[in-house]
Amino acid sequence: MKITRLAALVSLLGLILLCLGWELWLAPLRPGGSLLALKALPLVAPLAGVLAGRRYTFQWSSMLILAYLAEGVTRAWSERGASQWLAAAEIVLSLAYYSAAVAYARLSRSSASAVRSAE
């Protein structure tokens, strides 16, 4: 369970950094940065819950992350150059987070069931 939580945390932090770097320095829509960097803000919301290992946070954030997966797929398909590679990285990080979050939610469910049945 620890490894899935760590994988989720690392991929979430990576996705936050990628979103900020992409829209501010690496390949912004406009020279000098873009307000599209604000797309990283919703990713900050689940950080505390992921750090604390709250099952509910993993559940709802796994749905949130699908928007980033969709953006990555769309931009990988429609853009060229650096943006296309950054979109591919967004896809990988989104899938990594989704997989880790779902695995953590499932594993924590089974351990919570074991605790309830022991009582």
Protein backbone atom coordinates (compact mmCIF):
# COMPACT_ATOMS: atom_id res chain seq x y z
CA MET A 1 0.00 0.00 0.00
CA LYS A 2 2.90 2.33 0.74
CA ILE A 3 4.31 1.94 -2.76
CA THR A 4 1.01 2.87 -4.43
CA ARG A 5 0.71 5.93 -2.20
CA LEU A 6 4.27 6.97 -3.03
CA ALA A 7 3.70 6.38 -6.75
CA ALA A 8 0.57 8.52 -6.62
CA LEU A 9 2.38 11.30 -4.78
CA VAL A 10 5.37 11.32 -7.14
CA SER A 11 3.20 11.31 -10.27
CA LEU A 12 0.93 14.03 -8.86
CA LEU A 13 3.89 16.27 -8.01
CA GLY A 14 5.41 15.54 -11.41
CA LEU A 15 2.17 16.50 -13.13
CA ILE A 16 1.96 19.77 -11.18
CA LEU A 17 5.52 20.66 -12.13
CA LEU A 18 4.93 19.64 -15.74
CA CYS A 19 1.81 21.80 -16.05
CA LEU A 20 3.57 24.83 -14.59
CA GLY A 21 6.76 24.37 -16.59
CA TRP A 22 4.93 23.68 -19.81
CA GLU A 23 2.77 26.80 -19.75
CA LEU A 24 5.27 29.18 -18.18
CA TRP A 25 8.66 28.29 -19.70
CA LEU A 26 8.96 25.17 -21.85
CA ALA A 27 6.31 25.66 -24.57
CA PRO A 28 3.76 28.30 -23.56
CA LEU A 29 0.92 29.28 -25.88
CA ARG A 30 2.18 32.87 -25.78
CA PRO A 31 5.78 34.07 -25.36
CA GLY A 32 6.52 34.86 -21.74
CA GLY A 33 3.98 32.42 -20.32
CA SER A 34 0.30 31.72 -20.44
CA LEU A 35 -2.59 31.83 -18.00
CA LEU A 36 -3.13 28.20 -18.94
CA ALA A 37 -0.61 27.51 -16.17
CA LEU A 38 -3.56 27.90 -13.81
CA LYS A 39 -4.60 24.41 -14.87
CA ALA A 40 -2.16 23.18 -12.21
CA LEU A 41 -4.28 24.63 -9.39
CA PRO A 42 -6.86 21.80 -9.23
CA LEU A 43 -3.98 19.34 -8.88
CA VAL A 44 -2.95 21.01 -5.62
CA ALA A 45 -6.33 20.23 -4.02
CA PRO A 46 -5.69 16.50 -3.46
CA LEU A 47 -2.09 16.94 -2.24
CA ALA A 48 -2.89 17.03 1.48
CA GLY A 49 -5.19 14.01 1.24
CA VAL A 50 -2.64 12.02 -0.75
CA LEU A 51 0.06 12.85 1.78
CA ALA A 52 -2.25 11.77 4.61
CA GLY A 53 -3.32 8.61 2.79
CA ARG A 54 -7.04 9.41 2.80
CA ARG A 55 -8.88 6.82 0.71
CA TYR A 56 -11.64 9.23 -0.28
CA THR A 57 -9.10 11.67 -1.74
CA PHE A 58 -7.67 8.91 -3.91
CA GLN A 59 -11.18 8.06 -5.09
CA TRP A 60 -12.28 11.53 -6.18
CA SER A 61 -8.90 12.61 -7.50
CA SER A 62 -8.78 9.59 -9.79
CA MET A 63 -11.77 11.14 -11.58
CA LEU A 64 -10.16 14.60 -11.62
CA ILE A 65 -7.02 13.26 -13.26
CA LEU A 66 -8.99 12.02 -16.26
CA ALA A 67 -9.36 15.64 -17.42
CA TYR A 68 -5.56 15.90 -17.60
CA LEU A 69 -5.38 12.62 -19.47
CA ALA A 70 -7.92 13.96 -21.99
CA GLU A 71 -5.96 17.19 -22.40
CA GLY A 72 -2.74 15.26 -22.93
CA VAL A 73 -4.29 13.03 -25.58
CA THR A 74 -5.85 16.01 -27.36
CA ARG A 75 -2.67 18.07 -27.37
CA ALA A 76 -0.46 15.12 -28.32
CA TRP A 77 -2.71 14.56 -31.33
CA SER A 78 -3.05 18.20 -32.40
CA GLU A 79 0.29 19.84 -31.61
CA ARG A 80 3.82 19.33 -32.86
CA GLY A 81 7.29 19.82 -31.45
CA ALA A 82 7.94 20.31 -27.74
CA SER A 83 4.25 20.58 -26.90
CA GLN A 84 3.62 17.15 -28.35
CA TRP A 85 6.34 15.62 -26.15
CA LEU A 86 5.09 17.46 -23.08
CA ALA A 87 1.58 16.19 -23.83
CA ALA A 88 2.96 12.65 -23.98
CA ALA A 89 4.55 13.19 -20.57
CA GLU A 90 1.20 14.44 -19.27
CA ILE A 91 -0.44 11.25 -20.54
CA VAL A 92 2.14 9.06 -18.81
CA LEU A 93 1.92 10.95 -15.50
CA SER A 94 -1.88 10.99 -15.59
CA LEU A 95 -2.04 7.25 -16.23
CA ALA A 96 0.52 6.61 -13.51
CA TYR A 97 -1.47 8.64 -10.99
CA TYR A 98 -4.77 7.05 -12.01
CA SER A 99 -3.35 3.54 -11.71
CA ALA A 100 -1.73 4.23 -8.34
CA ALA A 101 -4.83 5.98 -6.95
CA VAL A 102 -7.17 3.17 -7.97
CA ALA A 103 -4.78 0.55 -6.60
CA TYR A 104 -4.46 2.43 -3.31
CA ALA A 105 -8.24 2.81 -3.00
CA ARG A 106 -8.73 -0.91 -3.61
CA LEU A 107 -5.99 -1.98 -1.22
CA SER A 108 -7.16 0.36 1.52
CA ARG A 109 -10.73 -0.93 1.10
CA SER A 110 -9.63 -4.49 1.75
CA SER A 111 -7.62 -3.48 4.81
CA ALA A 112 -10.53 -1.40 6.13
CA SER A 113 -12.84 -4.41 5.66
CA ALA A 114 -10.42 -6.60 7.59
CA VAL A 115 -10.39 -4.13 10.49
CA ARG A 116 -14.21 -3.99 10.56
CA SER A 117 -14.57 -7.77 10.52
CA ALA A 118 -12.04 -8.10 13.37
CA GLU A 119 -14.16 -5.83 15.58
